[in-house]
Amino acid sequence: MDVLSRARSFLPSGDEYVTEDALKNLRNYKYCSVDKSFLTKYLYRHYWEWAVTLFPRWMAPNLITLVGLSFEVFDVLLVLVIMPDLVGPGPAWLYFAFGIGMWLYSTFDNVDGKQARRTGSSSPLGELFDHGCDALNCTIAGIVEASAFACGISWQTVTIIFFTTMTFFFSTWEEYHTGVLYLGYINGPTEILTLAVLACFASGIWGPEIWHVPAAKGLPGVGLLFPASWELMDAMLAITGAAMLFGHCLVCCWNVYTACKEKNRSFVATLPQLVQYVVFASSCYVWLSNTTTIFVNNHLVLFLVTAGTAFGRIVSKIILAHLTEMPFPSYTVQMVPLVVGAILARLGLFSPSTELLFLVLSCMFVVAAYLHWALVVIERFCEFLGINCLSITPRKHREKAE
């Protein structure tokens, strides 16, 4: 047995990630979504239908998704090179690059499904791949937006990531139980992303310092409702948090309750499934509250990449379970470094050097575990469905697999 074979023997097998019986349930797959957004109905829908015609028919939908994500990854690289403190101010073009990157990601993310229908290449792999990239982008786009707002290495940046991940987790949990991807009249991928793009452009025109004036000045009248020490950014986060809780999370709960009632299932039995995110968020909070190096030595982006990749695995497993009709997953091994790190930090067992070493090793483990899971699951989907991930398979080959 060679070294490579020995190494593989320690890794989970494909059947441990998704069983053959689970793959058979892909035959029942039917994508269903509801988008109530007026922006989508009266404006963006027409833009996306035009945009899809710009892509060649040979270009696979998943490749469009991946290219779209690369725009946001490129923006993060710009942040690390030009504005690593997430404050700046950077050159005006940098903020316009942030906004353009977000807009292109959104465009590609909405066009990929239309390309799939246009080329007759729709598949459950497309939903898994698309939502998996969206899950990773919760952190990637959050870092970019925090940089556009000049939030810096601070709790403001952490709060932005908390908002993006929590809303996505609730949406994924909701879709698992309802079978429908529901986007409300005001939703993250449309209205909130549009505001985020405009905010990036505003930072490019007037400078990011506009977000850090006193709340009373930035929000005349309304700003007086907030503490005098609050900045406009603090007030915006508070308003966003309230909107997220009442306009999204509680709506998701209601939709799951309705679905459970229609199926004669217990809604209360679904609530423990939320504990997974509570553990994730709590571990991040405890670790960051007791860190010896992440804030003071500018390692927040490294921490967020680690936590964001773990989050990507958490929700991607839920999407996989939805597609294959498997039980709701309540645990992923990639949460272990976050929980252990939180415990060690809380007990005061870290020094700056040991904490950084643990964080680097955690990041390597989480990323490697994610890539292994993603590659194996994609390979199994492709083999079962008779398709390729990043290229369009001739129809006769797909029919043969069926």
Protein backbone atom coordinates (compact mmCIF):
# COMPACT_ATOMS: atom_id res chain seq x y z
CA MET A 1 0.00 0.00 0.00
CA ASP A 2 1.54 3.32 -1.06
CA VAL A 3 1.49 6.53 0.95
CA LEU A 4 -1.46 7.99 -0.99
CA SER A 5 -3.57 4.89 -0.44
CA ARG A 6 -2.77 4.95 3.27
CA ALA A 7 -3.77 8.58 3.50
CA ARG A 8 -7.07 7.87 1.75
CA SER A 9 -7.82 5.08 4.19
CA PHE A 10 -8.08 7.68 6.98
CA LEU A 11 -10.52 9.86 5.02
CA PRO A 12 -14.28 9.34 4.94
CA SER A 13 -15.51 7.34 1.97
CA GLY A 14 -17.97 8.65 -0.56
CA ASP A 15 -20.68 6.42 0.90
CA GLU A 16 -20.18 8.06 4.29
CA TYR A 17 -20.92 11.46 2.74
CA VAL A 18 -23.88 10.35 0.64
CA THR A 19 -25.13 6.76 0.35
CA GLU A 20 -26.22 5.00 -2.82
CA ASP A 21 -29.79 4.85 -1.53
CA ALA A 22 -29.72 8.59 -0.91
CA LEU A 23 -28.49 9.22 -4.46
CA LYS A 24 -31.48 7.32 -5.81
CA ASN A 25 -33.71 9.97 -4.28
CA LEU A 26 -32.25 12.49 -6.72
CA ARG A 27 -34.77 11.05 -9.19
CA ASN A 28 -37.46 12.84 -7.19
CA TYR A 29 -35.70 16.21 -7.47
CA LYS A 30 -37.74 19.19 -8.55
CA TYR A 31 -36.51 22.73 -8.00
CA CYS A 32 -39.12 25.06 -6.55
CA SER A 33 -38.70 28.73 -5.63
CA VAL A 34 -40.84 31.77 -4.89
CA ASP A 35 -39.55 35.32 -5.34
CA LYS A 36 -41.86 38.08 -4.15
CA SER A 37 -39.40 40.92 -4.82
CA PHE A 38 -40.81 43.82 -6.83
CA LEU A 39 -37.27 44.66 -7.97
CA THR A 40 -36.96 41.18 -9.44
CA LYS A 41 -40.40 41.26 -11.04
CA TYR A 42 -40.22 44.68 -12.67
CA LEU A 43 -36.50 45.23 -13.25
CA TYR A 44 -33.92 42.53 -12.60
CA ARG A 45 -35.83 39.69 -14.26
CA HIS A 46 -35.59 41.48 -17.59
CA TYR A 47 -31.92 42.29 -17.00
CA TRP A 48 -31.08 38.66 -16.20
CA GLU A 49 -32.97 37.37 -19.21
CA TRP A 50 -30.87 39.69 -21.37
CA ALA A 51 -27.62 38.87 -19.53
CA VAL A 52 -27.95 35.12 -20.07
CA THR A 53 -27.85 35.66 -23.84
CA LEU A 54 -24.29 36.98 -23.45
CA PHE A 55 -23.05 33.56 -22.34
CA PRO A 56 -22.17 30.92 -24.95
CA ARG A 57 -24.39 27.84 -24.88
CA TRP A 58 -21.39 25.58 -24.26
CA MET A 59 -20.70 27.27 -20.91
CA ALA A 60 -21.93 25.09 -18.05
CA PRO A 61 -24.16 26.72 -15.41
CA ASN A 62 -21.85 25.59 -12.60
CA LEU A 63 -18.92 27.22 -14.37
CA ILE A 64 -20.90 30.48 -14.45
CA THR A 65 -21.51 30.13 -10.70
CA LEU A 66 -17.83 29.51 -10.03
CA VAL A 67 -16.68 32.45 -12.15
CA GLY A 68 -19.18 34.65 -10.33
CA LEU A 69 -17.76 33.64 -6.96
CA SER A 70 -14.24 34.39 -8.22
CA PHE A 71 -15.15 38.09 -8.52
CA GLU A 72 -15.81 38.23 -4.78
CA VAL A 73 -12.68 36.23 -3.99
CA PHE A 74 -10.68 38.69 -6.08
CA ASP A 75 -12.14 41.57 -4.05
CA VAL A 76 -11.01 39.90 -0.82
CA LEU A 77 -7.51 39.57 -2.26
CA LEU A 78 -7.60 43.30 -3.04
CA VAL A 79 -8.54 43.94 0.59
CA LEU A 80 -5.63 41.85 1.87
CA VAL A 81 -3.13 43.58 -0.40
CA ILE A 82 -4.33 47.20 -0.34
CA MET A 83 -6.40 47.55 2.84
CA PRO A 84 -5.55 44.70 5.25
CA ASP A 85 -6.81 46.66 8.27
CA LEU A 86 -10.30 46.82 6.68
CA VAL A 87 -10.31 50.55 7.40
CA GLY A 88 -8.25 52.38 4.81
CA PRO A 89 -9.29 54.63 3.33
CA GLY A 90 -8.29 52.98 0.09
CA PRO A 91 -8.27 54.57 -3.35
CA ALA A 92 -11.70 55.42 -4.78
CA TRP A 93 -11.41 52.76 -7.49
CA LEU A 94 -11.13 50.06 -4.82
CA TYR A 95 -14.65 50.72 -3.52
CA PHE A 96 -16.03 50.75 -7.04
CA ALA A 97 -14.26 47.40 -7.58
CA PHE A 98 -16.06 46.08 -4.47
CA GLY A 99 -19.44 47.17 -5.82
CA ILE A 100 -18.79 45.86 -9.32
CA GLY A 101 -17.59 42.52 -7.92
CA MET A 102 -20.77 42.15 -5.87
CA TRP A 103 -22.94 43.09 -8.82
CA LEU A 104 -21.20 40.63 -11.12
CA TYR A 105 -21.51 37.88 -8.52
CA SER A 106 -25.23 38.58 -8.22
CA THR A 107 -25.65 38.62 -11.99
CA PHE A 108 -23.81 35.35 -12.51
CA ASP A 109 -25.64 33.79 -9.55
CA ASN A 110 -29.01 34.62 -11.07
CA VAL A 111 -28.03 33.76 -14.64
CA ASP A 112 -26.71 30.25 -13.93
CA GLY A 113 -30.19 28.79 -13.45
CA LYS A 114 -31.45 30.45 -16.62
CA GLN A 115 -28.45 29.04 -18.49
CA ALA A 116 -29.32 25.57 -17.15
CA ARG A 117 -32.87 25.82 -18.48
CA ARG A 118 -31.63 27.40 -21.71
CA THR A 119 -29.28 24.47 -22.38
CA GLY A 120 -31.44 21.73 -20.86
CA SER A 121 -28.77 20.94 -18.27
CA SER A 122 -30.70 21.50 -15.03
CA SER A 123 -29.80 19.03 -12.29
CA PRO A 124 -29.80 18.69 -8.49
CA LEU A 125 -26.02 19.17 -8.63
CA GLY A 126 -26.69 22.68 -9.89
CA GLU A 127 -28.68 23.57 -6.79
CA LEU A 128 -26.07 22.05 -4.47
CA PHE A 129 -23.22 23.81 -6.28
CA ASP A 130 -25.05 27.15 -6.46
CA HIS A 131 -26.17 27.20 -2.83
CA GLY A 132 -22.78 25.89 -1.70
CA CYS A 133 -21.06 28.86 -3.35
CA ASP A 134 -23.67 31.20 -1.85
CA ALA A 135 -22.90 29.79 1.60
CA LEU A 136 -19.19 30.51 1.22
CA ASN A 137 -19.97 33.94 -0.14
CA CYS A 138 -21.77 34.86 3.07
CA THR A 139 -18.36 35.36 4.65
CA ILE A 140 -16.49 36.48 1.54
CA ALA A 141 -18.99 39.22 0.69
CA GLY A 142 -19.24 40.15 4.36
CA ILE A 143 -15.51 40.85 4.50
CA VAL A 144 -15.74 42.98 1.35
CA GLU A 145 -18.73 44.95 2.64
CA ALA A 146 -17.10 45.50 6.04
CA SER A 147 -14.07 46.90 4.20
CA ALA A 148 -16.31 49.21 2.15
CA PHE A 149 -17.84 50.47 5.40
CA ALA A 150 -14.36 50.81 6.98
CA CYS A 151 -15.46 48.64 9.91
CA GLY A 152 -11.89 47.50 10.53
CA ILE A 153 -10.75 44.64 12.74
CA SER A 154 -13.72 45.05 15.04
CA TRP A 155 -17.00 43.65 16.29
CA GLN A 156 -18.77 45.62 13.56
CA THR A 157 -17.17 43.35 10.98
CA VAL A 158 -18.04 40.26 13.01
CA THR A 159 -21.65 41.46 13.27
CA ILE A 160 -21.94 41.80 9.50
CA ILE A 161 -20.77 38.20 9.07
CA PHE A 162 -23.20 37.09 11.77
CA PHE A 163 -26.09 38.69 9.89
CA THR A 164 -25.19 37.13 6.53
CA THR A 165 -24.64 33.63 7.93
CA MET A 166 -27.67 33.61 10.20
CA THR A 167 -30.11 34.66 7.49
CA PHE A 168 -28.67 32.07 5.11
CA PHE A 169 -28.88 29.32 7.73
CA PHE A 170 -32.54 30.07 8.44
CA SER A 171 -33.35 30.14 4.71
CA THR A 172 -31.66 26.76 4.21
CA TRP A 173 -33.44 25.28 7.24
CA GLU A 174 -36.71 26.62 5.88
CA GLU A 175 -36.12 25.14 2.41
CA TYR A 176 -35.31 21.73 3.91
CA HIS A 177 -38.76 21.56 5.51
CA THR A 178 -40.88 23.39 2.94
CA GLY A 179 -39.14 22.21 -0.23
CA VAL A 180 -39.31 25.79 -1.50
CA LEU A 181 -36.65 28.49 -1.68
CA TYR A 182 -38.67 31.49 -0.52
CA LEU A 183 -37.52 35.05 -1.17
CA GLY A 184 -39.74 37.71 0.37
CA TYR A 185 -40.71 41.17 -0.82
CA ILE A 186 -37.45 42.45 0.67
CA ASN A 187 -34.73 39.80 0.61
CA GLY A 188 -30.97 39.50 0.91
CA PRO A 189 -30.02 38.40 -2.63
CA THR A 190 -31.97 41.26 -4.21
CA GLU A 191 -32.78 44.40 -2.20
CA ILE A 192 -30.06 44.05 0.45
CA LEU A 193 -27.40 43.23 -2.13
CA THR A 194 -28.49 46.23 -4.20
CA LEU A 195 -28.08 48.48 -1.15
CA ALA A 196 -24.67 46.91 -0.47
CA VAL A 197 -23.51 47.70 -4.01
CA LEU A 198 -24.76 51.28 -3.72
CA ALA A 199 -23.01 51.62 -0.35
CA CYS A 200 -19.71 50.55 -1.96
CA PHE A 201 -20.17 53.18 -4.65
CA ALA A 202 -21.01 55.79 -1.99
CA SER A 203 -17.74 54.99 -0.20
CA GLY A 204 -15.92 55.44 -3.50
CA ILE A 205 -17.52 58.86 -4.09
CA TRP A 206 -17.58 60.41 -0.61
CA GLY A 207 -15.16 58.18 1.29
CA PRO A 208 -15.95 55.47 3.88
CA GLU A 209 -15.84 58.00 6.70
CA ILE A 210 -19.47 58.90 5.88
CA TRP A 211 -20.53 55.75 7.74
CA HIS A 212 -18.79 56.83 10.94
CA VAL A 213 -20.40 60.18 11.64
CA PRO A 214 -22.60 60.39 14.78
CA ALA A 215 -25.90 58.55 14.32
CA ALA A 216 -27.84 61.72 15.12
CA LYS A 217 -26.16 63.46 12.19
CA GLY A 218 -26.31 60.55 9.74
CA LEU A 219 -29.98 59.81 10.47
CA PRO A 220 -31.64 63.15 11.25
CA GLY A 221 -34.52 62.65 13.66
CA VAL A 222 -34.29 58.86 13.77
CA GLY A 223 -30.67 59.01 14.94
CA LEU A 224 -31.78 60.62 18.20
CA LEU A 225 -33.34 57.28 19.20
CA PHE A 226 -29.87 55.75 19.54
CA PRO A 227 -27.22 56.36 22.22
CA ALA A 228 -25.27 59.59 21.70
CA SER A 229 -22.00 57.65 21.39
CA TRP A 230 -23.25 55.57 18.46
CA GLU A 231 -21.97 56.07 14.95
CA LEU A 232 -24.17 55.86 11.87
CA MET A 233 -22.68 52.39 11.28
CA ASP A 234 -23.81 51.22 14.73
CA ALA A 235 -27.35 52.44 14.07
CA MET A 236 -27.43 50.78 10.64
CA LEU A 237 -26.37 47.47 12.16
CA ALA A 238 -29.05 47.74 14.85
CA ILE A 239 -31.74 48.45 12.26
CA THR A 240 -30.48 45.60 10.07
CA GLY A 241 -30.50 43.23 13.03
CA ALA A 242 -34.10 44.07 13.89
CA ALA A 243 -35.14 43.66 10.25
CA MET A 244 -33.30 40.34 10.06
CA LEU A 245 -35.01 39.01 13.19
CA PHE A 246 -38.58 40.12 12.50
CA GLY A 247 -38.55 40.27 8.72
CA HIS A 248 -36.63 37.09 7.99
CA CYS A 249 -35.94 34.65 10.83
CA LEU A 250 -39.46 34.73 12.28
CA VAL A 251 -40.94 34.48 8.77
CA CYS A 252 -38.81 31.38 8.17
CA CYS A 253 -40.11 29.91 11.44
CA TRP A 254 -43.69 30.62 10.42
CA ASN A 255 -43.20 28.99 7.01
CA VAL A 256 -41.66 25.89 8.61
CA TYR A 257 -44.54 25.80 11.13
CA THR A 258 -47.06 25.97 8.28
CA ALA A 259 -45.28 23.21 6.34
CA CYS A 260 -45.13 20.97 9.41
CA LYS A 261 -48.83 21.53 10.07
CA GLU A 262 -49.72 20.57 6.50
CA LYS A 263 -47.63 17.40 6.77
CA ASN A 264 -48.90 16.53 10.28
CA ARG A 265 -45.42 16.84 11.72
CA SER A 266 -44.22 18.44 14.93
CA PHE A 267 -42.85 21.95 14.49
CA VAL A 268 -41.32 21.79 17.98
CA ALA A 269 -39.26 18.79 16.86
CA THR A 270 -37.58 20.96 14.23
CA LEU A 271 -36.36 23.60 16.69
CA PRO A 272 -33.39 21.58 18.04
CA GLN A 273 -32.03 21.69 14.47
CA LEU A 274 -31.27 25.38 15.09
CA VAL A 275 -28.88 24.45 17.92
CA GLN A 276 -26.18 23.74 15.35
CA TYR A 277 -26.03 27.39 14.34
CA VAL A 278 -26.27 28.50 17.97
CA VAL A 279 -23.19 26.39 18.76
CA PHE A 280 -21.40 27.79 15.71
CA ALA A 281 -22.16 31.43 16.54
CA SER A 282 -21.57 30.99 20.28
CA SER A 283 -18.18 29.35 19.70
CA CYS A 284 -17.12 32.25 17.48
CA TYR A 285 -18.33 34.80 20.04
CA VAL A 286 -16.62 33.13 23.01
CA TRP A 287 -13.34 32.69 21.13
CA LEU A 288 -13.29 36.29 19.89
CA SER A 289 -14.30 37.64 23.32
CA ASN A 290 -11.26 35.98 24.90
CA THR A 291 -8.72 36.15 22.09
CA THR A 292 -5.14 37.18 22.73
CA THR A 293 -4.21 37.92 19.12
CA ILE A 294 -7.06 37.95 16.58
CA PHE A 295 -8.06 41.58 17.08
CA VAL A 296 -4.81 43.13 18.30
CA ASN A 297 -2.59 41.48 15.68
CA ASN A 298 -4.97 41.67 12.71
CA HIS A 299 -5.85 38.00 12.25
CA LEU A 300 -9.59 38.53 11.97
CA VAL A 301 -9.78 37.71 8.25
CA LEU A 302 -8.00 34.40 8.91
CA PHE A 303 -10.50 33.63 11.66
CA LEU A 304 -13.46 34.55 9.46
CA VAL A 305 -12.21 32.39 6.59
CA THR A 306 -11.91 29.48 9.03
CA ALA A 307 -15.36 30.02 10.52
CA GLY A 308 -16.91 30.83 7.14
CA THR A 309 -15.63 27.61 5.59
CA ALA A 310 -17.04 25.63 8.51
CA PHE A 311 -20.34 27.43 8.01
CA GLY A 312 -20.26 26.58 4.32
CA ARG A 313 -19.99 22.91 5.21
CA ILE A 314 -22.83 23.15 7.76
CA VAL A 315 -25.39 24.55 5.34
CA SER A 316 -24.15 22.56 2.33
CA LYS A 317 -24.83 19.38 4.29
CA ILE A 318 -28.37 20.62 4.90
CA ILE A 319 -28.81 21.28 1.17
CA LEU A 320 -27.45 17.83 0.39
CA ALA A 321 -29.87 16.28 2.87
CA HIS A 322 -32.74 18.20 1.26
CA LEU A 323 -31.83 17.02 -2.24
CA THR A 324 -31.32 13.38 -1.25
CA GLU A 325 -34.14 13.22 1.32
CA MET A 326 -31.75 12.33 4.13
CA PRO A 327 -32.30 13.20 7.81
CA PHE A 328 -31.42 16.75 8.86
CA PRO A 329 -27.67 16.86 9.67
CA SER A 330 -26.99 18.15 13.17
CA TYR A 331 -23.20 18.03 13.27
CA THR A 332 -20.11 18.53 11.16
CA VAL A 333 -16.55 17.76 12.17
CA GLN A 334 -15.45 21.20 10.98
CA MET A 335 -17.13 22.76 14.00
CA VAL A 336 -14.68 20.99 16.31
CA PRO A 337 -11.80 23.52 15.91
CA LEU A 338 -14.19 26.41 16.65
CA VAL A 339 -15.56 24.75 19.79
CA VAL A 340 -12.11 23.70 21.01
CA GLY A 341 -10.68 27.13 20.24
CA ALA A 342 -13.50 28.78 22.19
CA ILE A 343 -12.88 26.54 25.21
CA LEU A 344 -9.11 27.10 25.19
CA ALA A 345 -9.52 30.85 24.80
CA ARG A 346 -12.12 31.03 27.58
CA LEU A 347 -9.85 29.08 29.93
CA GLY A 348 -6.97 31.43 29.16
CA LEU A 349 -4.77 28.64 27.82
CA PHE A 350 -3.68 30.55 24.70
CA SER A 351 -0.67 32.78 24.29
CA PRO A 352 -0.61 34.99 21.18
CA SER A 353 1.76 32.60 19.41
CA THR A 354 -0.04 29.37 20.35
CA GLU A 355 -3.41 30.86 19.45
CA LEU A 356 -2.15 31.91 16.02
CA LEU A 357 -0.67 28.45 15.45
CA PHE A 358 -3.94 26.81 16.48
CA LEU A 359 -5.88 29.17 14.19
CA VAL A 360 -3.64 28.46 11.20
CA LEU A 361 -3.89 24.69 11.74
CA SER A 362 -7.66 24.99 12.20
CA CYS A 363 -7.97 26.89 8.93
CA MET A 364 -5.91 24.27 7.09
CA PHE A 365 -8.00 21.44 8.53
CA VAL A 366 -11.35 23.11 7.83
CA VAL A 367 -10.47 24.04 4.25
CA ALA A 368 -8.99 20.61 3.48
CA ALA A 369 -12.00 18.82 4.98
CA TYR A 370 -14.38 21.04 3.03
CA LEU A 371 -12.59 20.49 -0.27
CA HIS A 372 -12.51 16.71 0.25
CA TRP A 373 -16.22 16.60 1.05
CA ALA A 374 -17.13 18.85 -1.89
CA LEU A 375 -15.02 16.99 -4.43
CA VAL A 376 -16.24 13.55 -3.34
CA VAL A 377 -19.91 14.55 -3.27
CA ILE A 378 -19.66 16.29 -6.66
CA GLU A 379 -17.98 13.20 -8.13
CA ARG A 380 -20.73 10.93 -6.80
CA PHE A 381 -23.45 13.20 -8.14
CA CYS A 382 -21.79 13.33 -11.54
CA GLU A 383 -21.35 9.56 -11.74
CA PHE A 384 -24.93 8.88 -10.69
CA LEU A 385 -26.51 11.51 -12.96
CA GLY A 386 -24.16 10.90 -15.88
CA ILE A 387 -23.08 14.53 -16.08
CA ASN A 388 -19.98 16.69 -15.72
CA CYS A 389 -19.72 19.43 -13.15
CA LEU A 390 -18.08 22.22 -15.15
CA SER A 391 -19.06 21.26 -18.69
CA ILE A 392 -22.35 20.40 -20.36
CA THR A 393 -22.79 16.69 -20.97
CA PRO A 394 -24.39 15.65 -24.27
CA ARG A 395 -28.04 14.74 -23.72
CA LYS A 396 -27.59 11.15 -24.91
CA HIS A 397 -25.11 10.50 -22.10
CA ARG A 398 -27.52 11.91 -19.50
CA GLU A 399 -30.36 9.78 -20.88
CA LYS A 400 -28.15 6.71 -20.70
CA ALA A 401 -27.41 7.38 -17.03
CA GLU A 402 -31.13 7.72 -16.35
